[in-house]
PDB file of N, CA and C in Angstrom:
ATOM      1  N   MET A   1       0.826  -1.191   0.000  1.00  0.00           N
ATOM      2  CA  MET A   1       0.000   0.000   0.000  1.00  0.00           C
ATOM      3  C   MET A   1       0.871   1.255   0.000  1.00  0.00           C
ATOM      4  N   TRP A   2       1.910   1.272   0.852  1.00  0.00           N
ATOM      5  CA  TRP A   2       2.767   2.457   0.912  1.00  0.00           C
ATOM      6  C   TRP A   2       3.548   2.649  -0.381  1.00  0.00           C
ATOM      7  N   ALA A   3       3.875   1.556  -1.031  1.00  0.00           N
ATOM      8  CA  ALA A   3       4.595   1.653  -2.306  1.00  0.00           C
ATOM      9  C   ALA A   3       3.708   2.292  -3.373  1.00  0.00           C
ATOM     10  N   ALA A   4       2.438   1.939  -3.375  1.00  0.00           N
ATOM     11  CA  ALA A   4       1.505   2.523  -4.349  1.00  0.00           C
ATOM     12  C   ALA A   4       1.341   4.024  -4.111  1.00  0.00           C
ATOM     13  N   ILE A   5       1.274   4.431  -2.860  1.00  0.00           N
ATOM     14  CA  ILE A   5       1.146   5.857  -2.545  1.00  0.00           C
ATOM     15  C   ILE A   5       2.408   6.603  -2.964  1.00  0.00           C
ATOM     16  N   ALA A   6       3.576   6.020  -2.717  1.00  0.00           N
ATOM     17  CA  ALA A   6       4.837   6.655  -3.100  1.00  0.00           C
ATOM     18  C   ALA A   6       4.963   6.775  -4.618  1.00  0.00           C
ATOM     19  N   ILE A   7       4.577   5.730  -5.339  1.00  0.00           N
ATOM     20  CA  ILE A   7       4.615   5.780  -6.803  1.00  0.00           C
ATOM     21  C   ILE A   7       3.645   6.825  -7.323  1.00  0.00           C
ATOM     22  N   SER A   8       2.456   6.891  -6.737  1.00  0.00           N
ATOM     23  CA  SER A   8       1.461   7.883  -7.142  1.00  0.00           C
ATOM     24  C   SER A   8       1.988   9.301  -6.932  1.00  0.00           C
ATOM     25  N   LEU A   9       2.584   9.565  -5.787  1.00  0.00           N
ATOM     26  CA  LEU A   9       3.139  10.893  -5.519  1.00  0.00           C
ATOM     27  C   LEU A   9       4.293  11.217  -6.463  1.00  0.00           C
ATOM     28  N   ALA A  10       5.108  10.221  -6.790  1.00  0.00           N
ATOM     29  CA  ALA A  10       6.221  10.439  -7.720  1.00  0.00           C
ATOM     30  C   ALA A  10       5.697  10.795  -9.111  1.00  0.00           C
ATOM     31  N   PHE A  11       4.675  10.096  -9.559  1.00  0.00           N
ATOM     32  CA  PHE A  11       4.105  10.400 -10.874  1.00  0.00           C
ATOM     33  C   PHE A  11       3.416  11.768 -10.892  1.00  0.00           C
ATOM     34  N   GLN A  12       2.771  12.148  -9.801  1.00  0.00           N
ATOM     35  CA  GLN A  12       2.152  13.471  -9.737  1.00  0.00           C
ATOM     36  C   GLN A  12       3.206  14.569  -9.790  1.00  0.00           C
ATOM     37  N   ALA A  13       4.304  14.390  -9.073  1.00  0.00           N
ATOM     38  CA  ALA A  13       5.388  15.377  -9.108  1.00  0.00           C
ATOM     39  C   ALA A  13       6.012  15.436 -10.495  1.00  0.00           C
ATOM     40  N   LEU A  14       6.198  14.294 -11.128  1.00  0.00           N
ATOM     41  CA  LEU A  14       6.767  14.245 -12.468  1.00  0.00           C
ATOM     42  C   LEU A  14       5.867  14.951 -13.474  1.00  0.00           C
ATOM     43  N   SER A  15       4.561  14.722 -13.400  1.00  0.00           N
ATOM     44  CA  SER A  15       3.636  15.375 -14.326  1.00  0.00           C
ATOM     45  C   SER A  15       3.574  16.877 -14.080  1.00  0.00           C
ATOM     46  N   TYR A  16       3.728  17.303 -12.834  1.00  0.00           N
ATOM     47  CA  TYR A  16       3.726  18.738 -12.536  1.00  0.00           C
ATOM     48  C   TYR A  16       4.943  19.416 -13.156  1.00  0.00           C
ATOM     49  N   PHE A  17       6.119  18.796 -13.019  1.00  0.00           N
ATOM     50  CA  PHE A  17       7.336  19.413 -13.524  1.00  0.00           C
ATOM     51  C   PHE A  17       7.459  19.324 -15.047  1.00  0.00           C
ATOM     52  N   LEU A  18       6.844  18.339 -15.670  1.00  0.00           N
ATOM     53  CA  LEU A  18       6.922  18.183 -17.122  1.00  0.00           C
ATOM     54  C   LEU A  18       5.785  18.869 -17.877  1.00  0.00           C
ATOM     55  N   SER A  19       4.786  19.365 -17.178  1.00  0.00           N
ATOM     56  CA  SER A  19       3.661  20.010 -17.857  1.00  0.00           C
ATOM     57  C   SER A  19       4.093  21.355 -18.429  1.00  0.00           C
ATOM     58  N   PRO A  20       3.550  21.761 -19.598  1.00  0.00           N
ATOM     59  CA  PRO A  20       3.924  23.047 -20.189  1.00  0.00           C
ATOM     60  C   PRO A  20       3.363  24.200 -19.351  1.00  0.00           C
ATOM     61  N   LYS A  21       4.161  25.212 -19.191  1.00  0.00           N
ATOM     62  CA  LYS A  21       3.746  26.379 -18.409  1.00  0.00           C
ATOM     63  C   LYS A  21       3.076  27.392 -19.341  1.00  0.00           C
ATOM     64  N   PRO A  22       1.941  27.975 -18.957  1.00  0.00           N
ATOM     65  CA  PRO A  22       1.271  28.951 -19.817  1.00  0.00           C
ATOM     66  C   PRO A  22       2.066  30.249 -19.877  1.00  0.00           C
ATOM     67  N   ALA A  23       1.977  30.912 -21.010  1.00  0.00           N
ATOM     68  CA  ALA A  23       2.648  32.199 -21.179  1.00  0.00           C
ATOM     69  C   ALA A  23       1.923  33.255 -20.354  1.00  0.00           C
ATOM     70  N   GLY A  24       2.633  34.268 -19.961  1.00  0.00           N
ATOM     71  CA  GLY A  24       2.042  35.335 -19.155  1.00  0.00           C
ATOM     72  C   GLY A  24       1.028  36.143 -19.950  1.00  0.00           C
ATOM     73  N   ASN A  25       0.079  36.713 -19.265  1.00  0.00           N
ATOM     74  CA  ASN A  25      -0.954  37.529 -19.885  1.00  0.00           C
ATOM     75  C   ASN A  25      -0.365  38.890 -20.248  1.00  0.00           C
ATOM     76  N   GLN A  26      -0.458  39.261 -21.518  1.00  0.00           N
ATOM     77  CA  GLN A  26       0.101  40.526 -21.974  1.00  0.00           C
ATOM     78  C   GLN A  26      -0.837  41.691 -21.717  1.00  0.00           C
ATOM     79  N   GLY A  27      -2.107  41.427 -21.563  1.00  0.00           N
ATOM     80  CA  GLY A  27      -3.077  42.492 -21.315  1.00  0.00           C
ATOM     81  C   GLY A  27      -3.608  43.063 -22.622  1.00  0.00           C
ATOM     82  N   ALA A  28      -4.727  43.704 -22.531  1.00  0.00           N
ATOM     83  CA  ALA A  28      -5.370  44.280 -23.706  1.00  0.00           C
ATOM     84  C   ALA A  28      -4.926  45.716 -23.897  1.00  0.00           C
ATOM     85  N   VAL A  29      -4.661  46.065 -25.138  1.00  0.00           N
ATOM     86  CA  VAL A  29      -4.332  47.436 -25.497  1.00  0.00           C
ATOM     87  C   VAL A  29      -5.436  47.911 -26.424  1.00  0.00           C
ATOM     88  N   ALA A  30      -5.893  49.138 -26.234  1.00  0.00           N
ATOM     89  CA  ALA A  30      -7.064  49.628 -26.952  1.00  0.00           C
ATOM     90  C   ALA A  30      -6.896  49.568 -28.469  1.00  0.00           C
ATOM     91  N   GLY A  31      -5.739  49.821 -28.995  1.00  0.00           N
ATOM     92  CA  GLY A  31      -5.550  49.822 -30.443  1.00  0.00           C
ATOM     93  C   GLY A  31      -5.363  48.449 -31.042  1.00  0.00           C
ATOM     94  N   GLU A  32      -5.115  47.436 -30.264  1.00  0.00           N
ATOM     95  CA  GLU A  32      -4.812  46.110 -30.782  1.00  0.00           C
ATOM     96  C   GLU A  32      -5.978  45.131 -30.701  1.00  0.00           C
ATOM     97  N   LEU A  33      -7.124  45.537 -30.201  1.00  0.00           N
ATOM     98  CA  LEU A  33      -8.267  44.634 -30.092  1.00  0.00           C
ATOM     99  C   LEU A  33      -8.929  44.461 -31.448  1.00  0.00           C
ATOM    100  N   ASP A  34      -9.397  43.253 -31.720  1.00  0.00           N
ATOM    101  CA  ASP A  34     -10.066  42.959 -32.980  1.00  0.00           C
ATOM    102  C   ASP A  34     -11.568  43.086 -32.779  1.00  0.00           C
ATOM    103  N   ILE A  35     -12.054  44.320 -32.814  1.00  0.00           N
ATOM    104  CA  ILE A  35     -13.462  44.612 -32.567  1.00  0.00           C
ATOM    105  C   ILE A  35     -14.082  45.119 -33.867  1.00  0.00           C
ATOM    106  N   PRO A  36     -15.210  44.525 -34.306  1.00  0.00           N
ATOM    107  CA  PRO A  36     -15.841  45.041 -35.524  1.00  0.00           C
ATOM    108  C   PRO A  36     -16.398  46.439 -35.291  1.00  0.00           C
ATOM    109  N   GLU A  37     -16.119  47.336 -36.239  1.00  0.00           N
ATOM    110  CA  GLU A  37     -16.584  48.718 -36.114  1.00  0.00           C
ATOM    111  C   GLU A  37     -17.694  48.973 -37.125  1.00  0.00           C
ATOM    112  N   PRO A  38     -18.648  49.839 -36.773  1.00  0.00           N
ATOM    113  CA  PRO A  38     -19.722  50.139 -37.725  1.00  0.00           C
ATOM    114  C   PRO A  38     -19.171  50.970 -38.883  1.00  0.00           C
ATOM    115  N   PRO A  39     -19.751  50.816 -40.078  1.00  0.00           N
ATOM    116  CA  PRO A  39     -19.298  51.602 -41.216  1.00  0.00           C
ATOM    117  C   PRO A  39     -19.558  53.094 -40.987  1.00  0.00           C
ATOM    118  N   VAL A  40     -18.622  53.905 -41.430  1.00  0.00           N
ATOM    119  CA  VAL A  40     -18.747  55.357 -41.257  1.00  0.00           C
ATOM    120  C   VAL A  40     -19.839  55.873 -42.187  1.00  0.00           C
ATOM    121  N   GLY A  41     -20.713  56.699 -41.662  1.00  0.00           N
ATOM    122  CA  GLY A  41     -21.768  57.309 -42.457  1.00  0.00           C
ATOM    123  C   GLY A  41     -23.086  56.579 -42.409  1.00  0.00           C
ATOM    124  N   LYS A  42     -23.109  55.345 -41.951  1.00  0.00           N
ATOM    125  CA  LYS A  42     -24.363  54.603 -41.846  1.00  0.00           C
ATOM    126  C   LYS A  42     -24.966  54.818 -40.467  1.00  0.00           C
ATOM    127  N   PRO A  43     -26.284  54.813 -40.357  1.00  0.00           N
ATOM    128  CA  PRO A  43     -26.895  54.948 -39.035  1.00  0.00           C
ATOM    129  C   PRO A  43     -26.676  53.694 -38.188  1.00  0.00           C
ATOM    130  N   VAL A  44     -26.609  53.896 -36.887  1.00  0.00           N
ATOM    131  CA  VAL A  44     -26.432  52.786 -35.957  1.00  0.00           C
ATOM    132  C   VAL A  44     -27.818  52.220 -35.631  1.00  0.00           C
ATOM    133  N   PRO A  45     -28.065  50.939 -35.924  1.00  0.00           N
ATOM    134  CA  PRO A  45     -29.392  50.382 -35.648  1.00  0.00           C
ATOM    135  C   PRO A  45     -29.610  50.176 -34.151  1.00  0.00           C
ATOM    136  N   VAL A  46     -30.833  50.445 -33.712  1.00  0.00           N
ATOM    137  CA  VAL A  46     -31.232  50.182 -32.335  1.00  0.00           C
ATOM    138  C   VAL A  46     -32.168  48.986 -32.386  1.00  0.00           C
ATOM    139  N   ILE A  47     -31.774  47.905 -31.722  1.00  0.00           N
ATOM    140  CA  ILE A  47     -32.507  46.650 -31.836  1.00  0.00           C
ATOM    141  C   ILE A  47     -33.173  46.325 -30.508  1.00  0.00           C
ATOM    142  N   PHE A  48     -34.435  45.938 -30.578  1.00  0.00           N
ATOM    143  CA  PHE A  48     -35.184  45.494 -29.410  1.00  0.00           C
ATOM    144  C   PHE A  48     -35.559  44.038 -29.633  1.00  0.00           C
ATOM    145  N   GLY A  49     -35.164  43.170 -28.732  1.00  0.00           N
ATOM    146  CA  GLY A  49     -35.476  41.760 -28.871  1.00  0.00           C
ATOM    147  C   GLY A  49     -34.306  40.992 -29.452  1.00  0.00           C
ATOM    148  N   THR A  50     -34.601  39.828 -30.021  1.00  0.00           N
ATOM    149  CA  THR A  50     -33.582  38.965 -30.582  1.00  0.00           C
ATOM    150  C   THR A  50     -33.762  38.901 -32.087  1.00  0.00           C
ATOM    151  N   VAL A  51     -32.761  39.382 -32.819  1.00  0.00           N
ATOM    152  CA  VAL A  51     -32.797  39.369 -34.285  1.00  0.00           C
ATOM    153  C   VAL A  51     -31.403  39.047 -34.806  1.00  0.00           C
ATOM    154  N   TRP A  52     -31.323  38.678 -36.101  1.00  0.00           N
ATOM    155  CA  TRP A  52     -30.043  38.478 -36.771  1.00  0.00           C
ATOM    156  C   TRP A  52     -29.696  39.760 -37.511  1.00  0.00           C
ATOM    157  N   VAL A  53     -28.497  40.248 -37.296  1.00  0.00           N
ATOM    158  CA  VAL A  53     -28.024  41.443 -37.976  1.00  0.00           C
ATOM    159  C   VAL A  53     -26.787  41.056 -38.768  1.00  0.00           C
ATOM    160  N   LYS A  54     -26.808  41.275 -40.089  1.00  0.00           N
ATOM    161  CA  LYS A  54     -25.677  40.882 -40.926  1.00  0.00           C
ATOM    162  C   LYS A  54     -24.504  41.848 -40.798  1.00  0.00           C
ATOM    163  N   ASP A  55     -24.776  43.122 -40.707  1.00  0.00           N
ATOM    164  CA  ASP A  55     -23.715  44.128 -40.677  1.00  0.00           C
ATOM    165  C   ASP A  55     -23.614  44.714 -39.272  1.00  0.00           C
ATOM    166  N   ALA A  56     -23.195  43.868 -38.327  1.00  0.00           N
ATOM    167  CA  ALA A  56     -23.130  44.322 -36.940  1.00  0.00           C
ATOM    168  C   ALA A  56     -21.801  45.019 -36.683  1.00  0.00           C
ATOM    169  N   GLY A  57     -21.851  46.079 -35.942  1.00  0.00           N
ATOM    170  CA  GLY A  57     -20.652  46.788 -35.532  1.00  0.00           C
ATOM    171  C   GLY A  57     -20.756  47.117 -34.057  1.00  0.00           C
ATOM    172  N   VAL A  58     -19.646  47.119 -33.379  1.00  0.00           N
ATOM    173  CA  VAL A  58     -19.631  47.393 -31.952  1.00  0.00           C
ATOM    174  C   VAL A  58     -19.382  48.882 -31.762  1.00  0.00           C
ATOM    175  N   VAL A  59     -20.337  49.567 -31.116  1.00  0.00           N
ATOM    176  CA  VAL A  59     -20.193  50.996 -30.894  1.00  0.00           C
ATOM    177  C   VAL A  59     -19.389  51.257 -29.622  1.00  0.00           C
ATOM    178  N   TYR A  60     -19.591  50.444 -28.578  1.00  0.00           N
ATOM    179  CA  TYR A  60     -18.860  50.616 -27.324  1.00  0.00           C
ATOM    180  C   TYR A  60     -18.471  49.248 -26.805  1.00  0.00           C
ATOM    181  N   TYR A  61     -17.192  49.069 -26.494  1.00  0.00           N
ATOM    182  CA  TYR A  61     -16.691  47.770 -26.059  1.00  0.00           C
ATOM    183  C   TYR A  61     -16.320  47.775 -24.588  1.00  0.00           C
ATOM    184  N   GLY A  62     -16.370  48.883 -23.944  1.00  0.00           N
ATOM    185  CA  GLY A  62     -15.997  48.950 -22.536  1.00  0.00           C
ATOM    186  C   GLY A  62     -14.568  49.423 -22.372  1.00  0.00           C
ATOM    187  N   ASN A  63     -14.073  49.356 -21.176  1.00  0.00           N
ATOM    188  CA  ASN A  63     -12.726  49.808 -20.872  1.00  0.00           C
ATOM    189  C   ASN A  63     -11.788  48.609 -20.876  1.00  0.00           C
ATOM    190  N   PRO A  64     -10.845  48.521 -21.844  1.00  0.00           N
ATOM    191  CA  PRO A  64      -9.961  47.352 -21.909  1.00  0.00           C
ATOM    192  C   PRO A  64      -8.776  47.436 -20.948  1.00  0.00           C
ATOM    193  N   GLU A  65      -8.889  48.211 -19.912  1.00  0.00           N
ATOM    194  CA  GLU A  65      -7.797  48.388 -18.953  1.00  0.00           C
ATOM    195  C   GLU A  65      -7.782  47.247 -17.940  1.00  0.00           C
ATOM    196  N   GLN A  66      -6.601  46.835 -17.532  1.00  0.00           N
ATOM    197  CA  GLN A  66      -6.478  45.793 -16.521  1.00  0.00           C
ATOM    198  C   GLN A  66      -6.022  46.417 -15.213  1.00  0.00           C
ATOM    199  N   ARG A  67      -6.669  46.009 -14.146  1.00  0.00           N
ATOM    200  CA  ARG A  67      -6.263  46.439 -12.810  1.00  0.00           C
ATOM    201  C   ARG A  67      -6.122  45.207 -11.930  1.00  0.00           C
ATOM    202  N   PRO A  68      -5.086  45.152 -11.100  1.00  0.00           N
ATOM    203  CA  PRO A  68      -4.930  43.981 -10.235  1.00  0.00           C
ATOM    204  C   PRO A  68      -6.032  43.918  -9.175  1.00  0.00           C
ATOM    205  N   ILE A  69      -6.395  42.710  -8.807  1.00  0.00           N
ATOM    206  CA  ILE A  69      -7.396  42.509  -7.769  1.00  0.00           C
ATOM    207  C   ILE A  69      -6.699  42.589  -6.432  1.00  0.00           C
ATOM    208  N   LYS A  70      -7.155  43.490  -5.580  1.00  0.00           N
ATOM    209  CA  LYS A  70      -6.558  43.654  -4.262  1.00  0.00           C
ATOM    210  C   LYS A  70      -7.532  43.116  -3.230  1.00  0.00           C
ATOM    211  N   SER A  71      -7.021  42.334  -2.311  1.00  0.00           N
ATOM    212  CA  SER A  71      -7.857  41.712  -1.303  1.00  0.00           C
ATOM    213  C   SER A  71      -7.232  41.917   0.068  1.00  0.00           C
ATOM    214  N   ASP A  72      -8.079  41.951   1.082  1.00  0.00           N
ATOM    215  CA  ASP A  72      -7.563  42.110   2.428  1.00  0.00           C
ATOM    216  C   ASP A  72      -7.291  40.744   3.074  1.00  0.00           C
ATOM    217  N   GLY A  73      -7.356  39.677   2.320  1.00  0.00           N
ATOM    218  CA  GLY A  73      -7.026  38.355   2.826  1.00  0.00           C
ATOM    219  C   GLY A  73      -8.149  37.690   3.597  1.00  0.00           C
ATOM    220  N   GLY A  74      -9.383  38.148   3.446  1.00  0.00           N
ATOM    221  CA  GLY A  74     -10.510  37.519   4.103  1.00  0.00           C
ATOM    222  C   GLY A  74     -10.707  37.952   5.557  1.00  0.00           C
ATOM    223  N   LYS A  75     -10.046  39.027   5.932  1.00  0.00           N
ATOM    224  CA  LYS A  75     -10.208  39.506   7.306  1.00  0.00           C
ATOM    225  C   LYS A  75     -11.535  40.216   7.446  1.00  0.00           C
ATOM    226  N   LYS A  76     -12.180  40.011   8.561  1.00  0.00           N
ATOM    227  CA  LYS A  76     -13.461  40.680   8.814  1.00  0.00           C
ATOM    228  C   LYS A  76     -13.216  41.886   9.701  1.00  0.00           C
ATOM    229  N   GLY A  77     -14.014  42.906   9.435  1.00  0.00           N
ATOM    230  CA  GLY A  77     -13.976  44.074  10.314  1.00  0.00           C
ATOM    231  C   GLY A  77     -13.119  45.111   9.884  1.00  0.00           C
TER     232      GLY A  77
END
């Protein structure tokens, strides 16, 4: 039984060290986002409900800024 546990732990450690590490997050930059834009000079459609729109453009995408999450460590009070 102890041999099986030791082998299991060895294989888990081996898989952890051999697994590929993900690349770091570069963050979003406002000019580099691939967001469809509405054609210049055409009116922006206002849609109510669920419909299919062939020529959809994004008028506002939000703020692509990244801010770190700060936490007080779960302390109360």
